[in-house]
PDBML (XML) file of the C-alpha atoms, coordinates in Angstrom:
<?xml version="1.0" encoding="UTF-8" ?>
<PDBx:datablock datablockName="MODEL"
   xmlns:PDBx="http://pdbml.pdb.org/schema/pdbx-v50.xsd"
   xmlns:xsi="http://www.w3.org/2001/XMLSchema-instance"
   xsi:schemaLocation="http://pdbml.pdb.org/schema/pdbx-v50.xsd pdbx-v50.xsd">
   <PDBx:atom_siteCategory>
      <PDBx:atom_site id="1">
         <PDBx:B_iso_or_equiv>0.00</PDBx:B_iso_or_equiv>
         <PDBx:Cartn_x>29.538</PDBx:Cartn_x>
         <PDBx:Cartn_y>10.765</PDBx:Cartn_y>
         <PDBx:Cartn_z>60.648</PDBx:Cartn_z>
         <PDBx:auth_asym_id>A</PDBx:auth_asym_id>
         <PDBx:auth_atom_id>CA</PDBx:auth_atom_id>
         <PDBx:auth_comp_id>PHE</PDBx:auth_comp_id>
         <PDBx:auth_seq_id>1</PDBx:auth_seq_id>
         <PDBx:group_PDB>ATOM</PDBx:group_PDB>
         <PDBx:label_alt_id xsi:nil="true" />
         <PDBx:label_asym_id>A</PDBx:label_asym_id>
         <PDBx:label_atom_id>CA</PDBx:label_atom_id>
         <PDBx:label_comp_id>PHE</PDBx:label_comp_id>
         <PDBx:label_entity_id>1</PDBx:label_entity_id>
         <PDBx:label_seq_id>1</PDBx:label_seq_id>
         <PDBx:occupancy>1.00</PDBx:occupancy>
         <PDBx:pdbx_PDB_model_num>1</PDBx:pdbx_PDB_model_num>
         <PDBx:type_symbol>C</PDBx:type_symbol>
      </PDBx:atom_site>
      <PDBx:atom_site id="2">
         <PDBx:B_iso_or_equiv>0.00</PDBx:B_iso_or_equiv>
         <PDBx:Cartn_x>31.975</PDBx:Cartn_x>
         <PDBx:Cartn_y>11.347</PDBx:Cartn_y>
         <PDBx:Cartn_z>57.777</PDBx:Cartn_z>
         <PDBx:auth_asym_id>A</PDBx:auth_asym_id>
         <PDBx:auth_atom_id>CA</PDBx:auth_atom_id>
         <PDBx:auth_comp_id>ALA</PDBx:auth_comp_id>
         <PDBx:auth_seq_id>2</PDBx:auth_seq_id>
         <PDBx:group_PDB>ATOM</PDBx:group_PDB>
         <PDBx:label_alt_id xsi:nil="true" />
         <PDBx:label_asym_id>A</PDBx:label_asym_id>
         <PDBx:label_atom_id>CA</PDBx:label_atom_id>
         <PDBx:label_comp_id>ALA</PDBx:label_comp_id>
         <PDBx:label_entity_id>1</PDBx:label_entity_id>
         <PDBx:label_seq_id>2</PDBx:label_seq_id>
         <PDBx:occupancy>1.00</PDBx:occupancy>
         <PDBx:pdbx_PDB_model_num>1</PDBx:pdbx_PDB_model_num>
         <PDBx:type_symbol>C</PDBx:type_symbol>
      </PDBx:atom_site>
      <PDBx:atom_site id="3">
         <PDBx:B_iso_or_equiv>0.00</PDBx:B_iso_or_equiv>
         <PDBx:Cartn_x>29.330</PDBx:Cartn_x>
         <PDBx:Cartn_y>10.883</PDBx:Cartn_y>
         <PDBx:Cartn_z>55.121</PDBx:Cartn_z>
         <PDBx:auth_asym_id>A</PDBx:auth_asym_id>
         <PDBx:auth_atom_id>CA</PDBx:auth_atom_id>
         <PDBx:auth_comp_id>ASP</PDBx:auth_comp_id>
         <PDBx:auth_seq_id>3</PDBx:auth_seq_id>
         <PDBx:group_PDB>ATOM</PDBx:group_PDB>
         <PDBx:label_alt_id xsi:nil="true" />
         <PDBx:label_asym_id>A</PDBx:label_asym_id>
         <PDBx:label_atom_id>CA</PDBx:label_atom_id>
         <PDBx:label_comp_id>ASP</PDBx:label_comp_id>
         <PDBx:label_entity_id>1</PDBx:label_entity_id>
         <PDBx:label_seq_id>3</PDBx:label_seq_id>
         <PDBx:occupancy>1.00</PDBx:occupancy>
         <PDBx:pdbx_PDB_model_num>1</PDBx:pdbx_PDB_model_num>
         <PDBx:type_symbol>C</PDBx:type_symbol>
      </PDBx:atom_site>
      <PDBx:atom_site id="4">
         <PDBx:B_iso_or_equiv>0.00</PDBx:B_iso_or_equiv>
         <PDBx:Cartn_x>27.489</PDBx:Cartn_x>
         <PDBx:Cartn_y>13.374</PDBx:Cartn_y>
         <PDBx:Cartn_z>52.916</PDBx:Cartn_z>
         <PDBx:auth_asym_id>A</PDBx:auth_asym_id>
         <PDBx:auth_atom_id>CA</PDBx:auth_atom_id>
         <PDBx:auth_comp_id>LEU</PDBx:auth_comp_id>
         <PDBx:auth_seq_id>4</PDBx:auth_seq_id>
         <PDBx:group_PDB>ATOM</PDBx:group_PDB>
         <PDBx:label_alt_id xsi:nil="true" />
         <PDBx:label_asym_id>A</PDBx:label_asym_id>
         <PDBx:label_atom_id>CA</PDBx:label_atom_id>
         <PDBx:label_comp_id>LEU</PDBx:label_comp_id>
         <PDBx:label_entity_id>1</PDBx:label_entity_id>
         <PDBx:label_seq_id>4</PDBx:label_seq_id>
         <PDBx:occupancy>1.00</PDBx:occupancy>
         <PDBx:pdbx_PDB_model_num>1</PDBx:pdbx_PDB_model_num>
         <PDBx:type_symbol>C</PDBx:type_symbol>
      </PDBx:atom_site>
      <PDBx:atom_site id="5">
         <PDBx:B_iso_or_equiv>0.00</PDBx:B_iso_or_equiv>
         <PDBx:Cartn_x>24.106</PDBx:Cartn_x>
         <PDBx:Cartn_y>11.813</PDBx:Cartn_y>
         <PDBx:Cartn_z>53.698</PDBx:Cartn_z>
         <PDBx:auth_asym_id>A</PDBx:auth_asym_id>
         <PDBx:auth_atom_id>CA</PDBx:auth_atom_id>
         <PDBx:auth_comp_id>PHE</PDBx:auth_comp_id>
         <PDBx:auth_seq_id>5</PDBx:auth_seq_id>
         <PDBx:group_PDB>ATOM</PDBx:group_PDB>
         <PDBx:label_alt_id xsi:nil="true" />
         <PDBx:label_asym_id>A</PDBx:label_asym_id>
         <PDBx:label_atom_id>CA</PDBx:label_atom_id>
         <PDBx:label_comp_id>PHE</PDBx:label_comp_id>
         <PDBx:label_entity_id>1</PDBx:label_entity_id>
         <PDBx:label_seq_id>5</PDBx:label_seq_id>
         <PDBx:occupancy>1.00</PDBx:occupancy>
         <PDBx:pdbx_PDB_model_num>1</PDBx:pdbx_PDB_model_num>
         <PDBx:type_symbol>C</PDBx:type_symbol>
      </PDBx:atom_site>
      <PDBx:atom_site id="6">
         <PDBx:B_iso_or_equiv>0.00</PDBx:B_iso_or_equiv>
         <PDBx:Cartn_x>24.730</PDBx:Cartn_x>
         <PDBx:Cartn_y>12.189</PDBx:Cartn_y>
         <PDBx:Cartn_z>57.432</PDBx:Cartn_z>
         <PDBx:auth_asym_id>A</PDBx:auth_asym_id>
         <PDBx:auth_atom_id>CA</PDBx:auth_atom_id>
         <PDBx:auth_comp_id>PHE</PDBx:auth_comp_id>
         <PDBx:auth_seq_id>6</PDBx:auth_seq_id>
         <PDBx:group_PDB>ATOM</PDBx:group_PDB>
         <PDBx:label_alt_id xsi:nil="true" />
         <PDBx:label_asym_id>A</PDBx:label_asym_id>
         <PDBx:label_atom_id>CA</PDBx:label_atom_id>
         <PDBx:label_comp_id>PHE</PDBx:label_comp_id>
         <PDBx:label_entity_id>1</PDBx:label_entity_id>
         <PDBx:label_seq_id>6</PDBx:label_seq_id>
         <PDBx:occupancy>1.00</PDBx:occupancy>
         <PDBx:pdbx_PDB_model_num>1</PDBx:pdbx_PDB_model_num>
         <PDBx:type_symbol>C</PDBx:type_symbol>
      </PDBx:atom_site>
      <PDBx:atom_site id="7">
         <PDBx:B_iso_or_equiv>0.00</PDBx:B_iso_or_equiv>
         <PDBx:Cartn_x>25.992</PDBx:Cartn_x>
         <PDBx:Cartn_y>15.766</PDBx:Cartn_y>
         <PDBx:Cartn_z>57.093</PDBx:Cartn_z>
         <PDBx:auth_asym_id>A</PDBx:auth_asym_id>
         <PDBx:auth_atom_id>CA</PDBx:auth_atom_id>
         <PDBx:auth_comp_id>LEU</PDBx:auth_comp_id>
         <PDBx:auth_seq_id>7</PDBx:auth_seq_id>
         <PDBx:group_PDB>ATOM</PDBx:group_PDB>
         <PDBx:label_alt_id xsi:nil="true" />
         <PDBx:label_asym_id>A</PDBx:label_asym_id>
         <PDBx:label_atom_id>CA</PDBx:label_atom_id>
         <PDBx:label_comp_id>LEU</PDBx:label_comp_id>
         <PDBx:label_entity_id>1</PDBx:label_entity_id>
         <PDBx:label_seq_id>7</PDBx:label_seq_id>
         <PDBx:occupancy>1.00</PDBx:occupancy>
         <PDBx:pdbx_PDB_model_num>1</PDBx:pdbx_PDB_model_num>
         <PDBx:type_symbol>C</PDBx:type_symbol>
      </PDBx:atom_site>
      <PDBx:atom_site id="8">
         <PDBx:B_iso_or_equiv>0.00</PDBx:B_iso_or_equiv>
         <PDBx:Cartn_x>23.380</PDBx:Cartn_x>
         <PDBx:Cartn_y>17.105</PDBx:Cartn_y>
         <PDBx:Cartn_z>54.701</PDBx:Cartn_z>
         <PDBx:auth_asym_id>A</PDBx:auth_asym_id>
         <PDBx:auth_atom_id>CA</PDBx:auth_atom_id>
         <PDBx:auth_comp_id>TYR</PDBx:auth_comp_id>
         <PDBx:auth_seq_id>8</PDBx:auth_seq_id>
         <PDBx:group_PDB>ATOM</PDBx:group_PDB>
         <PDBx:label_alt_id xsi:nil="true" />
         <PDBx:label_asym_id>A</PDBx:label_asym_id>
         <PDBx:label_atom_id>CA</PDBx:label_atom_id>
         <PDBx:label_comp_id>TYR</PDBx:label_comp_id>
         <PDBx:label_entity_id>1</PDBx:label_entity_id>
         <PDBx:label_seq_id>8</PDBx:label_seq_id>
         <PDBx:occupancy>1.00</PDBx:occupancy>
         <PDBx:pdbx_PDB_model_num>1</PDBx:pdbx_PDB_model_num>
         <PDBx:type_symbol>C</PDBx:type_symbol>
      </PDBx:atom_site>
      <PDBx:atom_site id="9">
         <PDBx:B_iso_or_equiv>0.00</PDBx:B_iso_or_equiv>
         <PDBx:Cartn_x>20.308</PDBx:Cartn_x>
         <PDBx:Cartn_y>14.918</PDBx:Cartn_y>
         <PDBx:Cartn_z>55.260</PDBx:Cartn_z>
         <PDBx:auth_asym_id>A</PDBx:auth_asym_id>
         <PDBx:auth_atom_id>CA</PDBx:auth_atom_id>
         <PDBx:auth_comp_id>ALA</PDBx:auth_comp_id>
         <PDBx:auth_seq_id>9</PDBx:auth_seq_id>
         <PDBx:group_PDB>ATOM</PDBx:group_PDB>
         <PDBx:label_alt_id xsi:nil="true" />
         <PDBx:label_asym_id>A</PDBx:label_asym_id>
         <PDBx:label_atom_id>CA</PDBx:label_atom_id>
         <PDBx:label_comp_id>ALA</PDBx:label_comp_id>
         <PDBx:label_entity_id>1</PDBx:label_entity_id>
         <PDBx:label_seq_id>9</PDBx:label_seq_id>
         <PDBx:occupancy>1.00</PDBx:occupancy>
         <PDBx:pdbx_PDB_model_num>1</PDBx:pdbx_PDB_model_num>
         <PDBx:type_symbol>C</PDBx:type_symbol>
      </PDBx:atom_site>
      <PDBx:atom_site id="10">
         <PDBx:B_iso_or_equiv>0.00</PDBx:B_iso_or_equiv>
         <PDBx:Cartn_x>20.260</PDBx:Cartn_x>
         <PDBx:Cartn_y>13.058</PDBx:Cartn_y>
         <PDBx:Cartn_z>58.578</PDBx:Cartn_z>
         <PDBx:auth_asym_id>A</PDBx:auth_asym_id>
         <PDBx:auth_atom_id>CA</PDBx:auth_atom_id>
         <PDBx:auth_comp_id>PHE</PDBx:auth_comp_id>
         <PDBx:auth_seq_id>10</PDBx:auth_seq_id>
         <PDBx:group_PDB>ATOM</PDBx:group_PDB>
         <PDBx:label_alt_id xsi:nil="true" />
         <PDBx:label_asym_id>A</PDBx:label_asym_id>
         <PDBx:label_atom_id>CA</PDBx:label_atom_id>
         <PDBx:label_comp_id>PHE</PDBx:label_comp_id>
         <PDBx:label_entity_id>1</PDBx:label_entity_id>
         <PDBx:label_seq_id>10</PDBx:label_seq_id>
         <PDBx:occupancy>1.00</PDBx:occupancy>
         <PDBx:pdbx_PDB_model_num>1</PDBx:pdbx_PDB_model_num>
         <PDBx:type_symbol>C</PDBx:type_symbol>
      </PDBx:atom_site>
      <PDBx:atom_site id="11">
         <PDBx:B_iso_or_equiv>0.00</PDBx:B_iso_or_equiv>
         <PDBx:Cartn_x>21.808</PDBx:Cartn_x>
         <PDBx:Cartn_y>15.798</PDBx:Cartn_y>
         <PDBx:Cartn_z>60.730</PDBx:Cartn_z>
         <PDBx:auth_asym_id>A</PDBx:auth_asym_id>
         <PDBx:auth_atom_id>CA</PDBx:auth_atom_id>
         <PDBx:auth_comp_id>LEU</PDBx:auth_comp_id>
         <PDBx:auth_seq_id>11</PDBx:auth_seq_id>
         <PDBx:group_PDB>ATOM</PDBx:group_PDB>
         <PDBx:label_alt_id xsi:nil="true" />
         <PDBx:label_asym_id>A</PDBx:label_asym_id>
         <PDBx:label_atom_id>CA</PDBx:label_atom_id>
         <PDBx:label_comp_id>LEU</PDBx:label_comp_id>
         <PDBx:label_entity_id>1</PDBx:label_entity_id>
         <PDBx:label_seq_id>11</PDBx:label_seq_id>
         <PDBx:occupancy>1.00</PDBx:occupancy>
         <PDBx:pdbx_PDB_model_num>1</PDBx:pdbx_PDB_model_num>
         <PDBx:type_symbol>C</PDBx:type_symbol>
      </PDBx:atom_site>
      <PDBx:atom_site id="12">
         <PDBx:B_iso_or_equiv>0.00</PDBx:B_iso_or_equiv>
         <PDBx:Cartn_x>19.617</PDBx:Cartn_x>
         <PDBx:Cartn_y>18.657</PDBx:Cartn_y>
         <PDBx:Cartn_z>59.391</PDBx:Cartn_z>
         <PDBx:auth_asym_id>A</PDBx:auth_asym_id>
         <PDBx:auth_atom_id>CA</PDBx:auth_atom_id>
         <PDBx:auth_comp_id>PRO</PDBx:auth_comp_id>
         <PDBx:auth_seq_id>12</PDBx:auth_seq_id>
         <PDBx:group_PDB>ATOM</PDBx:group_PDB>
         <PDBx:label_alt_id xsi:nil="true" />
         <PDBx:label_asym_id>A</PDBx:label_asym_id>
         <PDBx:label_atom_id>CA</PDBx:label_atom_id>
         <PDBx:label_comp_id>PRO</PDBx:label_comp_id>
         <PDBx:label_entity_id>1</PDBx:label_entity_id>
         <PDBx:label_seq_id>12</PDBx:label_seq_id>
         <PDBx:occupancy>1.00</PDBx:occupancy>
         <PDBx:pdbx_PDB_model_num>1</PDBx:pdbx_PDB_model_num>
         <PDBx:type_symbol>C</PDBx:type_symbol>
      </PDBx:atom_site>
      <PDBx:atom_site id="13">
         <PDBx:B_iso_or_equiv>0.00</PDBx:B_iso_or_equiv>
         <PDBx:Cartn_x>16.475</PDBx:Cartn_x>
         <PDBx:Cartn_y>16.504</PDBx:Cartn_y>
         <PDBx:Cartn_z>59.732</PDBx:Cartn_z>
         <PDBx:auth_asym_id>A</PDBx:auth_asym_id>
         <PDBx:auth_atom_id>CA</PDBx:auth_atom_id>
         <PDBx:auth_comp_id>ALA</PDBx:auth_comp_id>
         <PDBx:auth_seq_id>13</PDBx:auth_seq_id>
         <PDBx:group_PDB>ATOM</PDBx:group_PDB>
         <PDBx:label_alt_id xsi:nil="true" />
         <PDBx:label_asym_id>A</PDBx:label_asym_id>
         <PDBx:label_atom_id>CA</PDBx:label_atom_id>
         <PDBx:label_comp_id>ALA</PDBx:label_comp_id>
         <PDBx:label_entity_id>1</PDBx:label_entity_id>
         <PDBx:label_seq_id>13</PDBx:label_seq_id>
         <PDBx:occupancy>1.00</PDBx:occupancy>
         <PDBx:pdbx_PDB_model_num>1</PDBx:pdbx_PDB_model_num>
         <PDBx:type_symbol>C</PDBx:type_symbol>
      </PDBx:atom_site>
      <PDBx:atom_site id="14">
         <PDBx:B_iso_or_equiv>0.00</PDBx:B_iso_or_equiv>
         <PDBx:Cartn_x>17.404</PDBx:Cartn_x>
         <PDBx:Cartn_y>15.610</PDBx:Cartn_y>
         <PDBx:Cartn_z>63.296</PDBx:Cartn_z>
         <PDBx:auth_asym_id>A</PDBx:auth_asym_id>
         <PDBx:auth_atom_id>CA</PDBx:auth_atom_id>
         <PDBx:auth_comp_id>PHE</PDBx:auth_comp_id>
         <PDBx:auth_seq_id>14</PDBx:auth_seq_id>
         <PDBx:group_PDB>ATOM</PDBx:group_PDB>
         <PDBx:label_alt_id xsi:nil="true" />
         <PDBx:label_asym_id>A</PDBx:label_asym_id>
         <PDBx:label_atom_id>CA</PDBx:label_atom_id>
         <PDBx:label_comp_id>PHE</PDBx:label_comp_id>
         <PDBx:label_entity_id>1</PDBx:label_entity_id>
         <PDBx:label_seq_id>14</PDBx:label_seq_id>
         <PDBx:occupancy>1.00</PDBx:occupancy>
         <PDBx:pdbx_PDB_model_num>1</PDBx:pdbx_PDB_model_num>
         <PDBx:type_symbol>C</PDBx:type_symbol>
      </PDBx:atom_site>
      <PDBx:atom_site id="15">
         <PDBx:B_iso_or_equiv>0.00</PDBx:B_iso_or_equiv>
         <PDBx:Cartn_x>18.275</PDBx:Cartn_x>
         <PDBx:Cartn_y>19.223</PDBx:Cartn_y>
         <PDBx:Cartn_z>64.142</PDBx:Cartn_z>
         <PDBx:auth_asym_id>A</PDBx:auth_asym_id>
         <PDBx:auth_atom_id>CA</PDBx:auth_atom_id>
         <PDBx:auth_comp_id>ALA</PDBx:auth_comp_id>
         <PDBx:auth_seq_id>15</PDBx:auth_seq_id>
         <PDBx:group_PDB>ATOM</PDBx:group_PDB>
         <PDBx:label_alt_id xsi:nil="true" />
         <PDBx:label_asym_id>A</PDBx:label_asym_id>
         <PDBx:label_atom_id>CA</PDBx:label_atom_id>
         <PDBx:label_comp_id>ALA</PDBx:label_comp_id>
         <PDBx:label_entity_id>1</PDBx:label_entity_id>
         <PDBx:label_seq_id>15</PDBx:label_seq_id>
         <PDBx:occupancy>1.00</PDBx:occupancy>
         <PDBx:pdbx_PDB_model_num>1</PDBx:pdbx_PDB_model_num>
         <PDBx:type_symbol>C</PDBx:type_symbol>
      </PDBx:atom_site>
      <PDBx:atom_site id="16">
         <PDBx:B_iso_or_equiv>0.00</PDBx:B_iso_or_equiv>
         <PDBx:Cartn_x>14.906</PDBx:Cartn_x>
         <PDBx:Cartn_y>20.450</PDBx:Cartn_y>
         <PDBx:Cartn_z>62.837</PDBx:Cartn_z>
         <PDBx:auth_asym_id>A</PDBx:auth_asym_id>
         <PDBx:auth_atom_id>CA</PDBx:auth_atom_id>
         <PDBx:auth_comp_id>LEU</PDBx:auth_comp_id>
         <PDBx:auth_seq_id>16</PDBx:auth_seq_id>
         <PDBx:group_PDB>ATOM</PDBx:group_PDB>
         <PDBx:label_alt_id xsi:nil="true" />
         <PDBx:label_asym_id>A</PDBx:label_asym_id>
         <PDBx:label_atom_id>CA</PDBx:label_atom_id>
         <PDBx:label_comp_id>LEU</PDBx:label_comp_id>
         <PDBx:label_entity_id>1</PDBx:label_entity_id>
         <PDBx:label_seq_id>16</PDBx:label_seq_id>
         <PDBx:occupancy>1.00</PDBx:occupancy>
         <PDBx:pdbx_PDB_model_num>1</PDBx:pdbx_PDB_model_num>
         <PDBx:type_symbol>C</PDBx:type_symbol>
      </PDBx:atom_site>
      <PDBx:atom_site id="17">
         <PDBx:B_iso_or_equiv>0.00</PDBx:B_iso_or_equiv>
         <PDBx:Cartn_x>12.903</PDBx:Cartn_x>
         <PDBx:Cartn_y>17.841</PDBx:Cartn_y>
         <PDBx:Cartn_z>64.772</PDBx:Cartn_z>
         <PDBx:auth_asym_id>A</PDBx:auth_asym_id>
         <PDBx:auth_atom_id>CA</PDBx:auth_atom_id>
         <PDBx:auth_comp_id>CYS</PDBx:auth_comp_id>
         <PDBx:auth_seq_id>17</PDBx:auth_seq_id>
         <PDBx:group_PDB>ATOM</PDBx:group_PDB>
         <PDBx:label_alt_id xsi:nil="true" />
         <PDBx:label_asym_id>A</PDBx:label_asym_id>
         <PDBx:label_atom_id>CA</PDBx:label_atom_id>
         <PDBx:label_comp_id>CYS</PDBx:label_comp_id>
         <PDBx:label_entity_id>1</PDBx:label_entity_id>
         <PDBx:label_seq_id>17</PDBx:label_seq_id>
         <PDBx:occupancy>1.00</PDBx:occupancy>
         <PDBx:pdbx_PDB_model_num>1</PDBx:pdbx_PDB_model_num>
         <PDBx:type_symbol>C</PDBx:type_symbol>
      </PDBx:atom_site>
      <PDBx:atom_site id="18">
         <PDBx:B_iso_or_equiv>0.00</PDBx:B_iso_or_equiv>
         <PDBx:Cartn_x>14.970</PDBx:Cartn_x>
         <PDBx:Cartn_y>18.388</PDBx:Cartn_y>
         <PDBx:Cartn_z>67.911</PDBx:Cartn_z>
         <PDBx:auth_asym_id>A</PDBx:auth_asym_id>
         <PDBx:auth_atom_id>CA</PDBx:auth_atom_id>
         <PDBx:auth_comp_id>TYR</PDBx:auth_comp_id>
         <PDBx:auth_seq_id>18</PDBx:auth_seq_id>
         <PDBx:group_PDB>ATOM</PDBx:group_PDB>
         <PDBx:label_alt_id xsi:nil="true" />
         <PDBx:label_asym_id>A</PDBx:label_asym_id>
         <PDBx:label_atom_id>CA</PDBx:label_atom_id>
         <PDBx:label_comp_id>TYR</PDBx:label_comp_id>
         <PDBx:label_entity_id>1</PDBx:label_entity_id>
         <PDBx:label_seq_id>18</PDBx:label_seq_id>
         <PDBx:occupancy>1.00</PDBx:occupancy>
         <PDBx:pdbx_PDB_model_num>1</PDBx:pdbx_PDB_model_num>
         <PDBx:type_symbol>C</PDBx:type_symbol>
      </PDBx:atom_site>
      <PDBx:atom_site id="19">
         <PDBx:B_iso_or_equiv>0.00</PDBx:B_iso_or_equiv>
         <PDBx:Cartn_x>14.512</PDBx:Cartn_x>
         <PDBx:Cartn_y>22.158</PDBx:Cartn_y>
         <PDBx:Cartn_z>67.640</PDBx:Cartn_z>
         <PDBx:auth_asym_id>A</PDBx:auth_asym_id>
         <PDBx:auth_atom_id>CA</PDBx:auth_atom_id>
         <PDBx:auth_comp_id>LEU</PDBx:auth_comp_id>
         <PDBx:auth_seq_id>19</PDBx:auth_seq_id>
         <PDBx:group_PDB>ATOM</PDBx:group_PDB>
         <PDBx:label_alt_id xsi:nil="true" />
         <PDBx:label_asym_id>A</PDBx:label_asym_id>
         <PDBx:label_atom_id>CA</PDBx:label_atom_id>
         <PDBx:label_comp_id>LEU</PDBx:label_comp_id>
         <PDBx:label_entity_id>1</PDBx:label_entity_id>
         <PDBx:label_seq_id>19</PDBx:label_seq_id>
         <PDBx:occupancy>1.00</PDBx:occupancy>
         <PDBx:pdbx_PDB_model_num>1</PDBx:pdbx_PDB_model_num>
         <PDBx:type_symbol>C</PDBx:type_symbol>
      </PDBx:atom_site>
      <PDBx:atom_site id="20">
         <PDBx:B_iso_or_equiv>0.00</PDBx:B_iso_or_equiv>
         <PDBx:Cartn_x>10.748</PDBx:Cartn_x>
         <PDBx:Cartn_y>21.736</PDBx:Cartn_y>
         <PDBx:Cartn_z>67.325</PDBx:Cartn_z>
         <PDBx:auth_asym_id>A</PDBx:auth_asym_id>
         <PDBx:auth_atom_id>CA</PDBx:auth_atom_id>
         <PDBx:auth_comp_id>LEU</PDBx:auth_comp_id>
         <PDBx:auth_seq_id>20</PDBx:auth_seq_id>
         <PDBx:group_PDB>ATOM</PDBx:group_PDB>
         <PDBx:label_alt_id xsi:nil="true" />
         <PDBx:label_asym_id>A</PDBx:label_asym_id>
         <PDBx:label_atom_id>CA</PDBx:label_atom_id>
         <PDBx:label_comp_id>LEU</PDBx:label_comp_id>
         <PDBx:label_entity_id>1</PDBx:label_entity_id>
         <PDBx:label_seq_id>20</PDBx:label_seq_id>
         <PDBx:occupancy>1.00</PDBx:occupancy>
         <PDBx:pdbx_PDB_model_num>1</PDBx:pdbx_PDB_model_num>
         <PDBx:type_symbol>C</PDBx:type_symbol>
      </PDBx:atom_site>
      <PDBx:atom_site id="21">
         <PDBx:B_iso_or_equiv>0.00</PDBx:B_iso_or_equiv>
         <PDBx:Cartn_x>10.788</PDBx:Cartn_x>
         <PDBx:Cartn_y>19.365</PDBx:Cartn_y>
         <PDBx:Cartn_z>70.313</PDBx:Cartn_z>
         <PDBx:auth_asym_id>A</PDBx:auth_asym_id>
         <PDBx:auth_atom_id>CA</PDBx:auth_atom_id>
         <PDBx:auth_comp_id>ALA</PDBx:auth_comp_id>
         <PDBx:auth_seq_id>21</PDBx:auth_seq_id>
         <PDBx:group_PDB>ATOM</PDBx:group_PDB>
         <PDBx:label_alt_id xsi:nil="true" />
         <PDBx:label_asym_id>A</PDBx:label_asym_id>
         <PDBx:label_atom_id>CA</PDBx:label_atom_id>
         <PDBx:label_comp_id>ALA</PDBx:label_comp_id>
         <PDBx:label_entity_id>1</PDBx:label_entity_id>
         <PDBx:label_seq_id>21</PDBx:label_seq_id>
         <PDBx:occupancy>1.00</PDBx:occupancy>
         <PDBx:pdbx_PDB_model_num>1</PDBx:pdbx_PDB_model_num>
         <PDBx:type_symbol>C</PDBx:type_symbol>
      </PDBx:atom_site>
      <PDBx:atom_site id="22">
         <PDBx:B_iso_or_equiv>0.00</PDBx:B_iso_or_equiv>
         <PDBx:Cartn_x>12.574</PDBx:Cartn_x>
         <PDBx:Cartn_y>22.070</PDBx:Cartn_y>
         <PDBx:Cartn_z>72.310</PDBx:Cartn_z>
         <PDBx:auth_asym_id>A</PDBx:auth_asym_id>
         <PDBx:auth_atom_id>CA</PDBx:auth_atom_id>
         <PDBx:auth_comp_id>SER</PDBx:auth_comp_id>
         <PDBx:auth_seq_id>22</PDBx:auth_seq_id>
         <PDBx:group_PDB>ATOM</PDBx:group_PDB>
         <PDBx:label_alt_id xsi:nil="true" />
         <PDBx:label_asym_id>A</PDBx:label_asym_id>
         <PDBx:label_atom_id>CA</PDBx:label_atom_id>
         <PDBx:label_comp_id>SER</PDBx:label_comp_id>
         <PDBx:label_entity_id>1</PDBx:label_entity_id>
         <PDBx:label_seq_id>22</PDBx:label_seq_id>
         <PDBx:occupancy>1.00</PDBx:occupancy>
         <PDBx:pdbx_PDB_model_num>1</PDBx:pdbx_PDB_model_num>
         <PDBx:type_symbol>C</PDBx:type_symbol>
      </PDBx:atom_site>
      <PDBx:atom_site id="23">
         <PDBx:B_iso_or_equiv>0.00</PDBx:B_iso_or_equiv>
         <PDBx:Cartn_x>9.374</PDBx:Cartn_x>
         <PDBx:Cartn_y>24.113</PDBx:Cartn_y>
         <PDBx:Cartn_z>72.192</PDBx:Cartn_z>
         <PDBx:auth_asym_id>A</PDBx:auth_asym_id>
         <PDBx:auth_atom_id>CA</PDBx:auth_atom_id>
         <PDBx:auth_comp_id>LEU</PDBx:auth_comp_id>
         <PDBx:auth_seq_id>23</PDBx:auth_seq_id>
         <PDBx:group_PDB>ATOM</PDBx:group_PDB>
         <PDBx:label_alt_id xsi:nil="true" />
         <PDBx:label_asym_id>A</PDBx:label_asym_id>
         <PDBx:label_atom_id>CA</PDBx:label_atom_id>
         <PDBx:label_comp_id>LEU</PDBx:label_comp_id>
         <PDBx:label_entity_id>1</PDBx:label_entity_id>
         <PDBx:label_seq_id>23</PDBx:label_seq_id>
         <PDBx:occupancy>1.00</PDBx:occupancy>
         <PDBx:pdbx_PDB_model_num>1</PDBx:pdbx_PDB_model_num>
         <PDBx:type_symbol>C</PDBx:type_symbol>
      </PDBx:atom_site>
      <PDBx:atom_site id="24">
         <PDBx:B_iso_or_equiv>0.00</PDBx:B_iso_or_equiv>
         <PDBx:Cartn_x>7.824</PDBx:Cartn_x>
         <PDBx:Cartn_y>21.619</PDBx:Cartn_y>
         <PDBx:Cartn_z>74.611</PDBx:Cartn_z>
         <PDBx:auth_asym_id>A</PDBx:auth_asym_id>
         <PDBx:auth_atom_id>CA</PDBx:auth_atom_id>
         <PDBx:auth_comp_id>ALA</PDBx:auth_comp_id>
         <PDBx:auth_seq_id>24</PDBx:auth_seq_id>
         <PDBx:group_PDB>ATOM</PDBx:group_PDB>
         <PDBx:label_alt_id xsi:nil="true" />
         <PDBx:label_asym_id>A</PDBx:label_asym_id>
         <PDBx:label_atom_id>CA</PDBx:label_atom_id>
         <PDBx:label_comp_id>ALA</PDBx:label_comp_id>
         <PDBx:label_entity_id>1</PDBx:label_entity_id>
         <PDBx:label_seq_id>24</PDBx:label_seq_id>
         <PDBx:occupancy>1.00</PDBx:occupancy>
         <PDBx:pdbx_PDB_model_num>1</PDBx:pdbx_PDB_model_num>
         <PDBx:type_symbol>C</PDBx:type_symbol>
      </PDBx:atom_site>
   </PDBx:atom_siteCategory>
</PDBx:datablock>
């Protein structure tokens, strides 16, 4: 978790995909 890649790449990518999945 305490990593720049997780904070600024993995987490935003996951949040975007999860938000789109919430439309279903």
